[in-house]
Amino acid sequence: MTKTLLAFAILVGSFVSCSTVEFKSGNQSKVTFDYNLNQEREVILEVEKKFYLWGALPSKHELILDKIFKDRGFENVSDLRIEEVNTTRKAAWMVASFGMFYPVSYRLVGRIKD
């Protein structure tokens, strides 16, 4: 009976749970998706957010893009690209924890003036 209940909980959890990541601006500095010819140097930042229980907790993460760049010393960023990073380590954590731990990594790529 316990095994059946556990299997049912896992099955329901895998269909019910969902989470979102919101990319926002805090208006602390200029971060734009537009390309700027004067900004030639590319910068790459990686950000990791952790989800639990098949992605159910927390239900929402917010990434304040200009704050992330400003905290790392970059003020005026253009040509912003956001990429999700899939790694073997991420897959290993998901399998080893049976979905209880789900790390999600994002690569923020932008251009700054030299």
N, C-alpha and C. Protein backbone atom coordinates (compact mmCIF):
# COMPACT_ATOMS: atom_id res chain seq x y z
N MET A 1 0.82 -1.19 0.00
CA MET A 1 0.00 0.00 0.00
C MET A 1 0.86 1.26 0.00
N THR A 2 1.93 1.25 0.80
CA THR A 2 2.81 2.41 0.89
C THR A 2 3.51 2.67 -0.45
N LYS A 3 3.93 1.60 -1.12
CA LYS A 3 4.59 1.76 -2.41
C LYS A 3 3.63 2.33 -3.45
N THR A 4 2.39 1.89 -3.41
CA THR A 4 1.39 2.39 -4.34
C THR A 4 1.12 3.87 -4.09
N LEU A 5 1.02 4.25 -2.85
CA LEU A 5 0.77 5.64 -2.50
C LEU A 5 1.95 6.52 -2.93
N LEU A 6 3.17 6.03 -2.71
CA LEU A 6 4.36 6.78 -3.12
C LEU A 6 4.40 6.93 -4.64
N ALA A 7 4.13 5.86 -5.36
CA ALA A 7 4.12 5.92 -6.82
C ALA A 7 3.06 6.90 -7.31
N PHE A 8 1.90 6.88 -6.68
CA PHE A 8 0.83 7.81 -7.05
C PHE A 8 1.25 9.25 -6.79
N ALA A 9 1.88 9.51 -5.66
CA ALA A 9 2.33 10.87 -5.31
C ALA A 9 3.36 11.36 -6.32
N ILE A 10 4.26 10.49 -6.72
CA ILE A 10 5.28 10.87 -7.70
C ILE A 10 4.63 11.17 -9.04
N LEU A 11 3.70 10.34 -9.44
CA LEU A 11 3.01 10.53 -10.71
C LEU A 11 2.22 11.85 -10.71
N VAL A 12 1.48 12.09 -9.67
CA VAL A 12 0.70 13.33 -9.58
C VAL A 12 1.63 14.53 -9.52
N GLY A 13 2.69 14.43 -8.74
CA GLY A 13 3.65 15.54 -8.63
C GLY A 13 4.30 15.89 -9.94
N SER A 14 4.56 14.89 -10.77
CA SER A 14 5.21 15.18 -12.05
C SER A 14 4.28 15.88 -13.03
N PHE A 15 2.97 15.71 -12.89
CA PHE A 15 2.02 16.38 -13.78
C PHE A 15 1.51 17.70 -13.23
N VAL A 16 1.46 17.84 -11.92
CA VAL A 16 0.88 19.02 -11.29
C VAL A 16 1.90 20.14 -11.15
N SER A 17 3.13 19.80 -10.83
CA SER A 17 4.10 20.82 -10.50
C SER A 17 4.57 21.57 -11.73
N CYS A 18 4.68 22.86 -11.57
CA CYS A 18 5.26 23.70 -12.60
C CYS A 18 5.83 24.93 -11.91
N SER A 19 6.76 25.54 -12.57
CA SER A 19 7.39 26.71 -12.00
C SER A 19 7.69 27.69 -13.11
N THR A 20 7.94 28.92 -12.73
CA THR A 20 8.27 29.93 -13.72
C THR A 20 9.50 30.71 -13.27
N VAL A 21 10.19 31.20 -14.25
CA VAL A 21 11.31 32.11 -14.01
C VAL A 21 10.98 33.38 -14.76
N GLU A 22 10.93 34.48 -14.04
CA GLU A 22 10.64 35.77 -14.66
C GLU A 22 11.93 36.58 -14.74
N PHE A 23 12.20 37.07 -15.93
CA PHE A 23 13.35 37.94 -16.15
C PHE A 23 12.82 39.37 -16.17
N LYS A 24 13.32 40.19 -15.24
CA LYS A 24 12.80 41.55 -15.07
C LYS A 24 13.92 42.56 -15.03
N SER A 25 13.53 43.82 -15.07
CA SER A 25 14.45 44.93 -14.89
C SER A 25 14.06 45.68 -13.64
N GLY A 26 15.06 46.06 -12.87
CA GLY A 26 14.82 46.87 -11.68
C GLY A 26 15.11 48.33 -11.94
N ASN A 27 15.42 48.67 -13.20
CA ASN A 27 15.72 50.05 -13.62
C ASN A 27 16.90 50.65 -12.85
N GLN A 28 17.86 49.82 -12.48
CA GLN A 28 19.06 50.32 -11.80
C GLN A 28 20.12 50.73 -12.81
N SER A 29 20.17 50.05 -13.94
CA SER A 29 21.09 50.40 -15.01
C SER A 29 20.48 49.95 -16.33
N LYS A 30 21.10 50.34 -17.42
CA LYS A 30 20.53 50.05 -18.73
C LYS A 30 20.96 48.67 -19.21
N VAL A 31 19.98 47.79 -19.41
CA VAL A 31 20.20 46.48 -20.00
C VAL A 31 19.16 46.34 -21.09
N THR A 32 19.63 46.10 -22.32
CA THR A 32 18.72 46.08 -23.46
C THR A 32 19.02 44.91 -24.39
N PHE A 33 18.01 44.49 -25.14
CA PHE A 33 18.18 43.44 -26.13
C PHE A 33 18.69 44.01 -27.45
N ASP A 34 18.66 45.33 -27.60
CA ASP A 34 19.09 45.98 -28.84
C ASP A 34 20.61 45.91 -28.98
N TYR A 35 21.06 45.80 -30.22
CA TYR A 35 22.50 45.77 -30.50
C TYR A 35 23.03 47.19 -30.56
N ASN A 36 24.18 47.43 -29.91
CA ASN A 36 24.83 48.73 -29.92
C ASN A 36 26.22 48.57 -30.53
N LEU A 37 26.48 49.26 -31.65
CA LEU A 37 27.76 49.13 -32.35
C LEU A 37 28.95 49.58 -31.50
N ASN A 38 28.73 50.46 -30.54
CA ASN A 38 29.82 50.98 -29.71
C ASN A 38 30.24 50.01 -28.61
N GLN A 39 29.46 49.00 -28.37
CA GLN A 39 29.78 48.05 -27.31
C GLN A 39 30.27 46.76 -27.94
N GLU A 40 31.59 46.54 -27.83
CA GLU A 40 32.22 45.45 -28.56
C GLU A 40 32.59 44.25 -27.69
N ARG A 41 32.81 44.47 -26.40
CA ARG A 41 33.28 43.38 -25.54
C ARG A 41 32.10 42.54 -25.04
N GLU A 42 32.21 41.24 -25.21
CA GLU A 42 31.15 40.33 -24.77
C GLU A 42 31.42 39.88 -23.33
N VAL A 43 30.38 39.89 -22.52
CA VAL A 43 30.48 39.38 -21.15
C VAL A 43 29.47 38.24 -20.99
N ILE A 44 29.87 37.25 -20.23
CA ILE A 44 29.01 36.08 -20.00
C ILE A 44 28.91 35.84 -18.50
N LEU A 45 27.69 35.81 -18.00
CA LEU A 45 27.43 35.53 -16.58
C LEU A 45 26.56 34.29 -16.49
N GLU A 46 26.83 33.46 -15.48
CA GLU A 46 25.97 32.30 -15.25
C GLU A 46 25.25 32.45 -13.93
N VAL A 47 23.97 32.15 -13.95
CA VAL A 47 23.11 32.26 -12.77
C VAL A 47 22.41 30.92 -12.60
N GLU A 48 22.39 30.42 -11.36
CA GLU A 48 21.71 29.16 -11.09
C GLU A 48 20.57 29.38 -10.10
N LYS A 49 19.43 28.81 -10.40
CA LYS A 49 18.29 28.82 -9.50
C LYS A 49 17.93 27.39 -9.17
N LYS A 50 17.51 27.16 -7.94
CA LYS A 50 17.22 25.81 -7.48
C LYS A 50 15.72 25.63 -7.28
N PHE A 51 15.21 24.55 -7.82
CA PHE A 51 13.81 24.17 -7.63
C PHE A 51 13.78 22.83 -6.90
N TYR A 52 12.68 22.59 -6.20
CA TYR A 52 12.53 21.36 -5.41
C TYR A 52 11.18 20.72 -5.71
N LEU A 53 11.05 19.46 -5.35
CA LEU A 53 9.80 18.70 -5.51
C LEU A 53 9.27 18.79 -6.93
N TRP A 54 10.06 18.30 -7.87
CA TRP A 54 9.69 18.24 -9.28
C TRP A 54 9.41 19.62 -9.87
N GLY A 55 10.01 20.64 -9.33
CA GLY A 55 9.81 21.99 -9.84
C GLY A 55 8.65 22.72 -9.21
N ALA A 56 8.03 22.15 -8.19
CA ALA A 56 6.86 22.78 -7.57
C ALA A 56 7.25 23.91 -6.62
N LEU A 57 8.41 23.81 -6.01
CA LEU A 57 8.84 24.81 -5.03
C LEU A 57 10.15 25.43 -5.45
N PRO A 58 10.33 26.69 -5.38
CA PRO A 58 9.27 27.70 -5.31
C PRO A 58 8.55 27.76 -6.65
N SER A 59 7.37 28.27 -6.63
CA SER A 59 6.59 28.31 -7.87
C SER A 59 7.10 29.38 -8.83
N LYS A 60 7.85 30.37 -8.31
CA LYS A 60 8.34 31.45 -9.16
C LYS A 60 9.69 31.95 -8.66
N HIS A 61 10.63 32.13 -9.59
CA HIS A 61 11.90 32.80 -9.33
C HIS A 61 11.92 34.06 -10.17
N GLU A 62 12.47 35.12 -9.62
CA GLU A 62 12.65 36.36 -10.37
C GLU A 62 14.13 36.63 -10.54
N LEU A 63 14.53 36.90 -11.76
CA LEU A 63 15.90 37.31 -12.04
C LEU A 63 15.85 38.77 -12.46
N ILE A 64 16.42 39.64 -11.64
CA ILE A 64 16.47 41.07 -11.95
C ILE A 64 17.77 41.29 -12.73
N LEU A 65 17.64 41.37 -14.04
CA LEU A 65 18.80 41.34 -14.93
C LEU A 65 19.78 42.48 -14.69
N ASP A 66 19.28 43.71 -14.59
CA ASP A 66 20.21 44.83 -14.40
C ASP A 66 20.92 44.75 -13.05
N LYS A 67 20.27 44.23 -12.04
CA LYS A 67 20.91 44.06 -10.72
C LYS A 67 22.01 43.00 -10.79
N ILE A 68 21.77 41.93 -11.52
CA ILE A 68 22.78 40.87 -11.66
C ILE A 68 24.02 41.43 -12.35
N PHE A 69 23.83 42.17 -13.45
CA PHE A 69 24.97 42.74 -14.15
C PHE A 69 25.66 43.81 -13.31
N LYS A 70 24.89 44.66 -12.64
CA LYS A 70 25.46 45.74 -11.83
C LYS A 70 26.27 45.17 -10.65
N ASP A 71 25.75 44.11 -10.01
CA ASP A 71 26.47 43.50 -8.90
C ASP A 71 27.82 42.93 -9.32
N ARG A 72 27.96 42.63 -10.59
CA ARG A 72 29.22 42.07 -11.09
C ARG A 72 30.05 43.11 -11.84
N GLY A 73 29.63 44.39 -11.73
CA GLY A 73 30.44 45.48 -12.25
C GLY A 73 30.14 45.94 -13.66
N PHE A 74 29.00 45.56 -14.22
CA PHE A 74 28.65 45.96 -15.58
C PHE A 74 27.39 46.82 -15.54
N GLU A 75 27.50 48.04 -16.07
CA GLU A 75 26.40 49.00 -15.96
C GLU A 75 25.54 49.10 -17.21
N ASN A 76 26.13 49.25 -18.37
CA ASN A 76 25.40 49.51 -19.60
C ASN A 76 25.58 48.31 -20.53
N VAL A 77 24.59 47.44 -20.60
CA VAL A 77 24.70 46.18 -21.34
C VAL A 77 23.71 46.19 -22.49
N SER A 78 24.19 45.78 -23.67
CA SER A 78 23.31 45.68 -24.84
C SER A 78 23.39 44.27 -25.42
N ASP A 79 22.58 44.02 -26.43
CA ASP A 79 22.56 42.75 -27.16
C ASP A 79 22.43 41.55 -26.20
N LEU A 80 21.52 41.67 -25.24
CA LEU A 80 21.35 40.64 -24.22
C LEU A 80 20.73 39.39 -24.82
N ARG A 81 21.33 38.25 -24.46
CA ARG A 81 20.78 36.93 -24.81
C ARG A 81 20.70 36.11 -23.54
N ILE A 82 19.64 35.35 -23.41
CA ILE A 82 19.44 34.49 -22.24
C ILE A 82 19.36 33.05 -22.74
N GLU A 83 20.25 32.20 -22.23
CA GLU A 83 20.30 30.81 -22.66
C GLU A 83 20.19 29.90 -21.44
N GLU A 84 19.38 28.86 -21.54
CA GLU A 84 19.34 27.87 -20.48
C GLU A 84 20.49 26.89 -20.71
N VAL A 85 21.20 26.56 -19.66
CA VAL A 85 22.36 25.68 -19.75
C VAL A 85 21.96 24.29 -19.27
N ASN A 86 22.13 23.31 -20.15
CA ASN A 86 21.88 21.92 -19.79
C ASN A 86 23.21 21.21 -19.61
N THR A 87 23.40 20.63 -18.44
CA THR A 87 24.66 19.95 -18.14
C THR A 87 24.39 18.54 -17.64
N THR A 88 25.42 17.74 -17.66
CA THR A 88 25.33 16.38 -17.12
C THR A 88 25.08 16.42 -15.62
N ARG A 89 25.68 17.41 -14.95
CA ARG A 89 25.50 17.54 -13.50
C ARG A 89 24.04 17.80 -13.16
N LYS A 90 23.37 18.63 -13.96
CA LYS A 90 21.96 18.93 -13.74
C LYS A 90 21.13 17.65 -13.88
N ALA A 91 21.38 16.90 -14.92
CA ALA A 91 20.65 15.65 -15.14
C ALA A 91 20.93 14.64 -14.03
N ALA A 92 22.18 14.59 -13.57
CA ALA A 92 22.54 13.66 -12.49
C ALA A 92 21.80 14.01 -11.20
N TRP A 93 21.72 15.30 -10.88
CA TRP A 93 20.99 15.72 -9.67
C TRP A 93 19.51 15.34 -9.77
N MET A 94 18.92 15.54 -10.94
CA MET A 94 17.51 15.22 -11.10
C MET A 94 17.25 13.73 -10.93
N VAL A 95 18.12 12.91 -11.52
CA VAL A 95 17.94 11.46 -11.44
C VAL A 95 18.24 10.96 -10.03
N ALA A 96 19.35 11.40 -9.46
CA ALA A 96 19.78 10.91 -8.14
C ALA A 96 18.80 11.30 -7.04
N SER A 97 18.15 12.45 -7.18
CA SER A 97 17.22 12.90 -6.15
C SER A 97 15.76 12.56 -6.48
N PHE A 98 15.55 11.79 -7.55
CA PHE A 98 14.19 11.44 -7.99
C PHE A 98 13.31 12.67 -8.19
N GLY A 99 13.91 13.74 -8.71
CA GLY A 99 13.16 14.95 -8.99
C GLY A 99 12.98 15.89 -7.80
N MET A 100 13.51 15.51 -6.64
CA MET A 100 13.35 16.36 -5.46
C MET A 100 14.19 17.64 -5.57
N PHE A 101 15.30 17.59 -6.32
CA PHE A 101 16.18 18.75 -6.50
C PHE A 101 16.38 18.96 -7.99
N TYR A 102 16.10 20.18 -8.45
CA TYR A 102 16.14 20.48 -9.87
C TYR A 102 16.85 21.82 -10.07
N PRO A 103 18.16 21.81 -10.30
CA PRO A 103 18.87 23.08 -10.53
C PRO A 103 18.71 23.53 -11.98
N VAL A 104 18.47 24.82 -12.16
CA VAL A 104 18.35 25.39 -13.50
C VAL A 104 19.38 26.50 -13.62
N SER A 105 20.21 26.41 -14.67
CA SER A 105 21.25 27.42 -14.89
C SER A 105 20.94 28.21 -16.15
N TYR A 106 21.24 29.50 -16.07
CA TYR A 106 21.05 30.39 -17.21
C TYR A 106 22.36 31.10 -17.50
N ARG A 107 22.64 31.27 -18.77
CA ARG A 107 23.81 32.04 -19.21
C ARG A 107 23.27 33.36 -19.75
N LEU A 108 23.74 34.45 -19.17
CA LEU A 108 23.37 35.80 -19.61
C LEU A 108 24.54 36.35 -20.42
N VAL A 109 24.32 36.58 -21.69
CA VAL A 109 25.37 37.06 -22.58
C VAL A 109 24.99 38.45 -23.05
N GLY A 110 25.91 39.38 -22.89
CA GLY A 110 25.65 40.76 -23.32
C GLY A 110 26.93 41.41 -23.80
N ARG A 111 26.80 42.63 -24.28
CA ARG A 111 27.96 43.39 -24.76
C ARG A 111 28.08 44.68 -23.96
N ILE A 112 29.34 45.04 -23.68
CA ILE A 112 29.65 46.28 -22.98
C ILE A 112 30.70 47.05 -23.75
N LYS A 113 30.85 48.32 -23.40
CA LYS A 113 31.87 49.15 -24.03
C LYS A 113 33.22 48.86 -23.38
N ASP A 114 34.24 48.71 -24.19
CA ASP A 114 35.59 48.44 -23.66
C ASP A 114 36.15 49.59 -22.90
